[in-house]
């Protein structure tokens, strides 16, 4: 069995851990009812199902979390042939398997609960909280006409449920990062001057297969390998005519998937000794390392994402470089880009995401970059977990280039 995916029992363990978070999350957001309304999730998934249901369904289904009489009540209203699966989990206070239609059961449950606010999975900002399709929204609006003025976005609930990593999740992410660094270390021993980016990527593929893990994003762009000063950096595949050169750098962006959870790290190599590094590259790598450290020192729950981005961005600009044209950091979990908040600038393209407050248990990247005049881009990427009072690096952060001497 590949180590890229969770077993059913491991997945249900995490689902149970997530259920234990929901009462506090809903209470703190003053929302007394959350409905996940979905169908044919194999074809059109709502990503939060991964965390609070743990399997696919076919017919229209409503998974209801409600604060009722100061307790969290949990209901699953599903097609009759999905009912046994939900009952066997032991997660729900009641499982209702319907035959002809969901309408009567859903209306009866809402009449009993009579919630003040009904959170639904739509969002203008967060892709991971936008799982309710427009068609399903219209159906729900028709089924619950008398409640439609109580509909609210479930974005804050989903962000917290998805973002606040459980101890099981953190262990899996940490292992993914450890494997990533082991592979990077073996790549360091393999690298030589004159190798093509495709040749280097092939070695990564060999090692990913050796460790029996998966890829944190599409294989053809993982890792992204960027050799020398003339490579166009970004979400591009390695090139056959781009080679490593003495006195220049190699940059990679690489992540694996271990039991459903991802890593996302960037490292840089220099082809030569430490003493041979040109001052332009020395200044650049030192600036990036310091920007990461300065931003990490200010991370704590309650700070908004844009405030952390601004620390790194302003520091890099103060050193005479142009600002980087991307966010400083994104959440990582079952996806390398996992949705939720953002450590990014207050630009139109990011909407309200940079204003999201950081929370304990979240995992973010820190990935500033800069451009040098003669040697191309310099970038590193680390992963941190937010703690009660600050943050800690998932694995030891890079302090310099890796040297191929």
Protein backbone atom coordinates (compact mmCIF):
# COMPACT_ATOMS: atom_id res chain seq x y z
CA UNK A 1 0.00 0.00 0.00
CA UNK A 2 1.31 3.44 -0.92
CA UNK A 3 2.19 5.73 1.98
CA UNK A 4 0.60 8.65 0.12
CA UNK A 5 -2.93 7.96 1.40
CA UNK A 6 -4.59 7.44 4.78
CA UNK A 7 -6.25 4.17 5.67
CA UNK A 8 -9.99 4.28 6.43
CA UNK A 9 -9.37 3.86 10.16
CA UNK A 10 -6.77 6.64 10.22
CA UNK A 11 -9.08 8.96 8.32
CA UNK A 12 -11.98 8.30 10.71
CA UNK A 13 -9.68 8.98 13.67
CA UNK A 14 -8.97 12.46 12.29
CA UNK A 15 -12.67 13.01 11.53
CA UNK A 16 -13.43 12.22 15.17
CA UNK A 17 -10.75 14.66 16.32
CA UNK A 18 -12.27 17.34 14.09
CA UNK A 19 -15.75 16.72 15.51
CA UNK A 20 -14.37 17.43 18.97
CA UNK A 21 -13.35 20.93 17.81
CA UNK A 22 -16.66 21.98 16.32
CA UNK A 23 -18.62 23.04 19.42
CA UNK A 24 -16.00 25.61 20.44
CA UNK A 25 -15.56 26.84 16.86
CA UNK A 26 -19.28 27.35 16.30
CA UNK A 27 -19.78 28.95 19.72
CA UNK A 28 -16.93 31.42 19.26
CA UNK A 29 -18.42 32.46 15.91
CA UNK A 30 -21.94 32.71 17.36
CA UNK A 31 -23.38 30.28 14.83
CA UNK A 32 -25.82 27.68 16.13
CA UNK A 33 -26.31 25.56 13.00
CA UNK A 34 -24.01 24.43 10.20
CA UNK A 35 -25.37 22.44 7.27
CA UNK A 36 -23.16 20.68 4.73
CA UNK A 37 -25.53 20.06 1.83
CA UNK A 38 -24.08 18.03 -1.02
CA UNK A 39 -24.54 15.29 -3.61
CA UNK A 40 -22.40 13.11 -5.94
CA UNK A 41 -19.25 14.08 -4.08
CA UNK A 42 -17.03 11.84 -6.20
CA UNK A 43 -17.84 14.11 -9.14
CA UNK A 44 -18.30 17.47 -7.39
CA UNK A 45 -16.74 17.33 -3.92
CA UNK A 46 -17.13 19.78 -1.07
CA UNK A 47 -13.63 19.66 0.40
CA UNK A 48 -14.78 19.96 4.03
CA UNK A 49 -16.35 16.48 3.69
CA UNK A 50 -12.81 15.10 3.94
CA UNK A 51 -12.57 16.39 7.50
CA UNK A 52 -16.03 15.90 9.02
CA UNK A 53 -17.58 13.02 7.04
CA UNK A 54 -14.65 11.10 5.59
CA UNK A 55 -16.28 9.42 2.60
CA UNK A 56 -18.27 10.14 -0.55
CA UNK A 57 -22.05 10.12 -0.87
CA UNK A 58 -24.34 9.96 -3.92
CA UNK A 59 -27.83 11.39 -3.32
CA UNK A 60 -28.63 14.76 -1.75
CA UNK A 61 -27.33 14.64 1.81
CA UNK A 62 -27.37 17.02 4.75
CA UNK A 63 -24.82 16.80 7.54
CA UNK A 64 -26.01 19.05 10.35
CA UNK A 65 -24.01 20.33 13.31
CA UNK A 66 -26.20 22.28 15.74
CA UNK A 67 -25.78 23.79 19.19
CA UNK A 68 -29.04 22.76 20.83
CA UNK A 69 -29.74 23.10 24.55
CA UNK A 70 -26.06 23.94 25.10
CA UNK A 71 -24.84 20.73 23.46
CA UNK A 72 -23.48 19.92 20.03
CA UNK A 73 -25.93 17.73 18.15
CA UNK A 74 -24.87 15.97 14.96
CA UNK A 75 -27.21 14.58 12.33
CA UNK A 76 -26.68 12.82 9.00
CA UNK A 77 -29.61 12.78 6.55
CA UNK A 78 -28.56 10.60 3.62
CA UNK A 79 -29.92 8.28 0.97
CA UNK A 80 -31.00 4.96 2.45
CA UNK A 81 -28.08 2.99 1.01
CA UNK A 82 -25.58 5.42 2.61
CA UNK A 83 -27.21 5.17 6.06
CA UNK A 84 -25.42 2.04 7.29
CA UNK A 85 -22.02 3.52 6.46
CA UNK A 86 -22.78 6.58 8.58
CA UNK A 87 -24.22 4.53 11.44
CA UNK A 88 -21.16 2.29 11.60
CA UNK A 89 -18.89 5.28 12.22
CA UNK A 90 -20.52 6.06 15.55
CA UNK A 91 -20.03 9.79 14.96
CA UNK A 92 -23.63 10.96 14.62
CA UNK A 93 -26.36 11.42 17.23
CA UNK A 94 -28.87 10.37 14.60
CA UNK A 95 -28.62 8.97 11.08
CA UNK A 96 -31.69 9.25 8.88
CA UNK A 97 -31.76 7.21 5.70
CA UNK A 98 -34.45 8.45 3.33
CA UNK A 99 -36.10 6.74 0.40
CA UNK A 100 -38.20 9.09 -1.74
CA UNK A 101 -36.65 12.43 -0.80
CA UNK A 102 -34.80 14.51 1.77
CA UNK A 103 -37.31 17.38 2.08
CA UNK A 104 -39.52 16.16 4.94
CA UNK A 105 -36.63 14.97 7.10
CA UNK A 106 -34.63 18.16 6.63
CA UNK A 107 -37.60 20.41 7.35
CA UNK A 108 -38.51 18.43 10.48
CA UNK A 109 -34.98 18.71 11.83
CA UNK A 110 -34.79 22.46 11.22
CA UNK A 111 -38.21 22.96 12.79
CA UNK A 112 -37.00 21.21 15.94
CA UNK A 113 -33.69 23.08 16.09
CA UNK A 114 -35.09 26.49 15.04
CA UNK A 115 -31.59 27.98 14.63
CA UNK A 116 -30.88 31.72 14.59
CA UNK A 117 -28.03 31.37 12.08
CA UNK A 118 -27.51 28.66 9.48
CA UNK A 119 -23.96 28.46 8.14
CA UNK A 120 -23.59 27.14 4.59
CA UNK A 121 -20.46 26.29 2.60
CA UNK A 122 -20.09 29.35 0.37
CA UNK A 123 -17.46 32.07 0.40
CA UNK A 124 -16.34 35.04 -1.68
CA UNK A 125 -12.75 34.73 -0.44
CA UNK A 126 -11.80 31.22 0.57
CA UNK A 127 -11.84 28.50 -2.08
CA UNK A 128 -11.80 25.76 0.57
CA UNK A 129 -15.03 27.17 2.09
CA UNK A 130 -16.89 27.45 -1.23
CA UNK A 131 -18.03 23.85 -1.65
CA UNK A 132 -21.78 24.41 -1.93
CA UNK A 133 -22.61 24.60 -5.64
CA UNK A 134 -25.01 27.25 -6.90
CA UNK A 135 -27.52 24.60 -7.89
CA UNK A 136 -27.48 23.03 -4.44
CA UNK A 137 -27.85 26.45 -2.84
CA UNK A 138 -30.99 27.08 -4.91
CA UNK A 139 -32.38 23.67 -3.93
CA UNK A 140 -31.71 24.34 -0.25
CA UNK A 141 -33.20 27.81 -0.52
CA UNK A 142 -36.38 26.22 -1.88
CA UNK A 143 -36.45 23.44 0.73
CA UNK A 144 -35.95 25.88 3.62
CA UNK A 145 -37.84 28.94 2.39
CA UNK A 146 -38.75 30.16 5.85
CA UNK A 147 -35.12 30.01 6.98
CA UNK A 148 -33.36 31.53 3.96
CA UNK A 149 -32.90 34.91 5.64
CA UNK A 150 -30.84 33.11 8.29
CA UNK A 151 -28.23 31.80 5.85
CA UNK A 152 -24.63 32.85 6.49
CA UNK A 153 -21.24 31.85 5.10
CA UNK A 154 -19.60 28.97 6.95
CA UNK A 155 -16.17 30.37 6.04
CA UNK A 156 -14.99 30.98 9.64
CA UNK A 157 -16.08 27.48 10.71
CA UNK A 158 -14.45 25.76 7.76
CA UNK A 159 -11.26 27.77 8.08
CA UNK A 160 -10.93 26.73 11.71
CA UNK A 161 -11.91 23.07 11.23
CA UNK A 162 -9.54 22.71 8.30
CA UNK A 163 -6.79 24.93 9.65
CA UNK A 164 -6.49 23.92 13.31
CA UNK A 165 -4.43 20.78 12.92
CA UNK A 166 -4.99 17.93 15.34
CA UNK A 167 -2.07 16.09 16.91
CA UNK A 168 -2.53 13.27 14.40
CA UNK A 169 -2.41 15.71 11.49
CA UNK A 170 0.68 17.45 12.83
CA UNK A 171 2.52 14.15 13.12
CA UNK A 172 1.72 13.32 9.50
CA UNK A 173 2.78 16.77 8.25
CA UNK A 174 6.01 16.55 10.24
CA UNK A 175 6.79 13.15 8.74
CA UNK A 176 6.10 14.48 5.23
CA UNK A 177 8.57 17.31 5.88
CA UNK A 178 11.17 14.92 7.31
CA UNK A 179 10.98 12.72 4.22
CA UNK A 180 11.24 15.79 1.99
CA UNK A 181 14.45 16.87 3.72
CA UNK A 182 15.87 13.35 3.51
CA UNK A 183 15.28 13.36 -0.23
CA UNK A 184 16.83 16.82 -0.56
CA UNK A 185 19.88 15.54 1.34
CA UNK A 186 20.25 12.61 -1.06
CA UNK A 187 19.88 14.98 -3.99
CA UNK A 188 22.76 17.05 -2.56
CA UNK A 189 25.02 13.98 -2.74
CA UNK A 190 23.88 13.30 -6.31
CA UNK A 191 24.20 16.77 -7.87
CA UNK A 192 27.03 17.68 -10.25
CA UNK A 193 27.79 20.51 -12.64
CA UNK A 194 26.32 19.94 -16.10
CA UNK A 195 23.11 18.14 -15.12
CA UNK A 196 19.87 19.14 -16.80
CA UNK A 197 16.78 20.12 -14.85
CA UNK A 198 14.97 17.09 -16.27
CA UNK A 199 17.79 14.79 -15.17
CA UNK A 200 17.57 16.19 -11.64
CA UNK A 201 13.79 15.87 -11.60
CA UNK A 202 14.10 12.23 -12.64
CA UNK A 203 16.29 11.57 -9.60
CA UNK A 204 13.62 13.13 -7.39
CA UNK A 205 11.07 10.79 -8.98
CA UNK A 206 13.30 7.81 -8.21
CA UNK A 207 13.56 8.82 -4.55
CA UNK A 208 9.83 9.55 -4.18
CA UNK A 209 9.18 6.02 -5.44
CA UNK A 210 11.82 4.65 -3.04
CA UNK A 211 10.05 6.25 -0.07
CA UNK A 212 6.67 5.04 -1.38
CA UNK A 213 5.06 8.48 -0.94
CA UNK A 214 3.05 10.71 -3.27
CA UNK A 215 3.37 14.19 -4.72
CA UNK A 216 2.03 17.27 -2.95
CA UNK A 217 1.00 18.74 -6.33
CA UNK A 218 1.11 17.73 -10.00
CA UNK A 219 4.06 15.46 -10.69
CA UNK A 220 5.28 17.22 -13.85
CA UNK A 221 5.88 20.40 -11.81
CA UNK A 222 7.11 18.66 -8.65
CA UNK A 223 9.82 19.43 -7.99
CA UNK A 224 10.18 22.68 -9.83
CA UNK A 225 13.89 22.77 -10.65
CA UNK A 226 15.46 26.10 -11.65
CA UNK A 227 19.09 26.08 -12.74
CA UNK A 228 21.16 29.18 -13.31
CA UNK A 229 20.29 32.86 -13.66
CA UNK A 230 18.25 32.80 -16.87
CA UNK A 231 15.47 30.45 -15.85
CA UNK A 232 11.95 31.91 -15.74
CA UNK A 233 10.85 31.07 -12.18
CA UNK A 234 7.31 30.22 -11.18
CA UNK A 235 4.90 27.33 -11.67
CA UNK A 236 6.82 25.90 -14.62
CA UNK A 237 8.19 22.45 -15.40
CA UNK A 238 11.93 21.66 -15.59
CA UNK A 239 13.50 22.23 -18.99
CA UNK A 240 15.71 19.82 -20.98
CA UNK A 241 18.09 22.58 -22.16
CA UNK A 242 18.70 24.21 -18.77
CA UNK A 243 21.83 22.95 -16.97
CA UNK A 244 23.61 23.41 -13.66
CA UNK A 245 26.77 25.53 -13.93
CA UNK A 246 29.80 26.14 -11.75
CA UNK A 247 29.44 29.38 -9.77
CA UNK A 248 25.65 29.45 -10.11
CA UNK A 249 22.64 28.18 -8.18
CA UNK A 250 19.96 25.53 -8.38
CA UNK A 251 16.58 26.23 -6.78
CA UNK A 252 13.85 23.70 -6.12
CA UNK A 253 10.27 23.78 -4.87
CA UNK A 254 9.37 20.28 -3.68
CA UNK A 255 6.71 18.57 -1.60
CA UNK A 256 5.54 15.03 -0.91
CA UNK A 257 2.27 13.61 0.32
CA UNK A 258 2.49 11.25 3.28
CA UNK A 259 -0.72 9.52 4.38
CA UNK A 260 -2.81 12.28 2.85
CA UNK A 261 -0.80 15.23 4.21
CA UNK A 262 1.67 17.46 2.40
CA UNK A 263 5.00 19.18 2.70
CA UNK A 264 6.06 22.25 0.70
CA UNK A 265 9.69 23.34 1.03
CA UNK A 266 12.18 25.25 -1.12
CA UNK A 267 15.95 24.84 -1.00
CA UNK A 268 18.89 26.30 -2.96
CA UNK A 269 22.23 24.82 -3.94
CA UNK A 270 25.43 26.64 -4.98
CA UNK A 271 27.89 24.91 -7.30
CA UNK A 272 31.17 25.72 -5.63
CA UNK A 273 32.53 26.17 -2.14
CA UNK A 274 31.16 28.51 0.50
CA UNK A 275 34.20 30.70 0.06
CA UNK A 276 33.48 31.05 -3.66
CA UNK A 277 29.97 32.50 -3.26
CA UNK A 278 29.81 35.94 -4.95
CA UNK A 279 28.90 38.81 -2.64
CA UNK A 280 25.69 39.39 -4.60
CA UNK A 281 24.51 35.88 -3.79
CA UNK A 282 25.76 36.06 -0.20
CA UNK A 283 23.77 39.25 0.41
CA UNK A 284 20.71 37.74 -1.22
CA UNK A 285 20.59 34.47 0.72
CA UNK A 286 21.32 36.26 4.00
CA UNK A 287 18.45 38.66 3.30
CA UNK A 288 16.03 35.81 2.65
CA UNK A 289 17.09 33.91 5.79
CA UNK A 290 16.69 37.05 7.90
CA UNK A 291 13.30 37.88 6.37
CA UNK A 292 12.02 34.43 7.31
CA UNK A 293 13.36 34.70 10.86
CA UNK A 294 12.00 38.24 11.39
CA UNK A 295 8.53 37.26 10.21
CA UNK A 296 8.53 34.03 12.27
CA UNK A 297 9.37 36.00 15.42
CA UNK A 298 6.16 38.02 15.08
CA UNK A 299 3.77 35.16 14.34
CA UNK A 300 1.22 34.43 17.06
CA UNK A 301 -2.54 33.83 17.31
CA UNK A 302 -4.65 36.91 16.66
CA UNK A 303 -2.21 38.64 14.30
CA UNK A 304 -3.58 39.22 10.79
CA UNK A 305 -1.78 37.57 7.90
CA UNK A 306 -0.91 40.80 6.08
CA UNK A 307 0.98 42.05 9.13
CA UNK A 308 3.42 39.12 8.93
CA UNK A 309 3.82 39.49 5.17
CA UNK A 310 4.62 43.19 5.61
CA UNK A 311 7.52 42.42 7.96
CA UNK A 312 9.31 40.25 5.40
CA UNK A 313 8.31 42.44 2.45
CA UNK A 314 9.49 45.69 4.06
CA UNK A 315 12.77 44.13 5.18
CA UNK A 316 13.60 42.88 1.68
CA UNK A 317 12.74 46.27 0.13
CA UNK A 318 14.87 48.02 2.79
CA UNK A 319 17.85 46.03 1.50
CA UNK A 320 17.40 47.51 -1.97
CA UNK A 321 15.44 44.73 -3.67
CA UNK A 322 12.09 44.98 -5.42
CA UNK A 323 9.16 43.51 -3.52
CA UNK A 324 8.20 39.94 -4.37
CA UNK A 325 4.98 39.57 -6.34
CA UNK A 326 3.34 36.86 -4.27
CA UNK A 327 2.19 36.22 -0.71
CA UNK A 328 4.66 35.31 2.02
CA UNK A 329 2.84 32.19 3.15
CA UNK A 330 -0.15 29.88 2.67
CA UNK A 331 -1.69 27.10 4.77
CA UNK A 332 -0.54 23.52 4.18
CA UNK A 333 -2.49 20.37 5.02
CA UNK A 334 -4.11 17.78 2.77
CA UNK A 335 -3.16 20.12 -0.07
CA UNK A 336 0.06 22.07 -0.50
CA UNK A 337 -2.14 25.15 -0.99
CA UNK A 338 -4.78 24.24 1.54
CA UNK A 339 -7.17 27.22 1.49
CA UNK A 340 -8.01 29.36 4.48
CA UNK A 341 -6.14 32.52 5.40
CA UNK A 342 -3.06 34.01 3.79
CA UNK A 343 0.08 35.79 4.89
CA UNK A 344 -0.06 38.16 1.96
CA UNK A 345 -0.32 41.81 0.99
CA UNK A 346 -3.57 43.76 0.86
CA UNK A 347 -3.87 43.43 -2.91
CA UNK A 348 -7.15 43.16 -4.80
CA UNK A 349 -6.36 39.67 -6.05
CA UNK A 350 -6.26 38.27 -2.51
CA UNK A 351 -9.58 39.75 -1.38
CA UNK A 352 -10.10 39.60 2.39
CA UNK A 353 -7.83 36.59 2.98
CA UNK A 354 -4.79 38.59 4.23
CA UNK A 355 -7.00 40.08 6.98
CA UNK A 356 -7.65 36.64 8.46
CA UNK A 357 -6.38 36.27 12.02
CA UNK A 358 -3.85 33.52 12.62
CA UNK A 359 -4.92 30.67 14.93
CA UNK A 360 -3.13 28.16 17.10
CA UNK A 361 -2.60 24.85 15.32
CA UNK A 362 -2.42 26.27 11.80
CA UNK A 363 0.48 25.32 9.53
CA UNK A 364 1.82 27.96 7.15
CA UNK A 365 4.70 28.35 4.73
CA UNK A 366 7.13 31.27 4.85
CA UNK A 367 8.52 31.79 1.35
CA UNK A 368 9.92 35.23 0.50
CA UNK A 369 11.98 35.71 -2.66
CA UNK A 370 14.16 38.34 -4.30
CA UNK A 371 15.86 38.95 -7.62
CA UNK A 372 19.57 39.56 -8.02
CA UNK A 373 21.10 41.43 -10.95
CA UNK A 374 23.40 38.71 -12.23
CA UNK A 375 22.31 35.43 -10.61
CA UNK A 376 18.54 35.26 -10.92
CA UNK A 377 16.09 34.59 -8.10
CA UNK A 378 16.87 33.59 -4.54
CA UNK A 379 14.11 31.93 -2.53
CA UNK A 380 13.65 29.58 0.41
CA UNK A 381 10.46 28.12 1.82
CA UNK A 382 9.91 26.90 5.36
CA UNK A 383 6.88 25.50 7.18
CA UNK A 384 5.81 26.64 10.65
CA UNK A 385 3.13 25.59 13.12
CA UNK A 386 1.42 28.35 15.09
CA UNK A 387 1.53 27.79 18.85
CA UNK A 388 -0.21 29.53 21.77
CA UNK A 389 2.52 32.15 22.00
CA UNK A 390 4.28 32.14 18.63
CA UNK A 391 5.32 29.52 16.10
CA UNK A 392 7.83 26.74 15.63
CA UNK A 393 9.48 25.42 12.48
CA UNK A 394 8.32 21.96 11.42
CA UNK A 395 11.88 21.04 10.40
CA UNK A 396 15.15 22.91 10.86
CA UNK A 397 15.07 25.94 8.54
CA UNK A 398 17.76 26.53 5.94
CA UNK A 399 20.45 29.01 6.99
CA UNK A 400 22.46 29.08 3.77
CA UNK A 401 22.90 27.47 0.39
CA UNK A 402 23.61 23.77 0.15
CA UNK A 403 27.07 23.48 -1.41
CA UNK A 404 28.18 21.24 -4.28
CA UNK A 405 31.94 21.62 -4.05
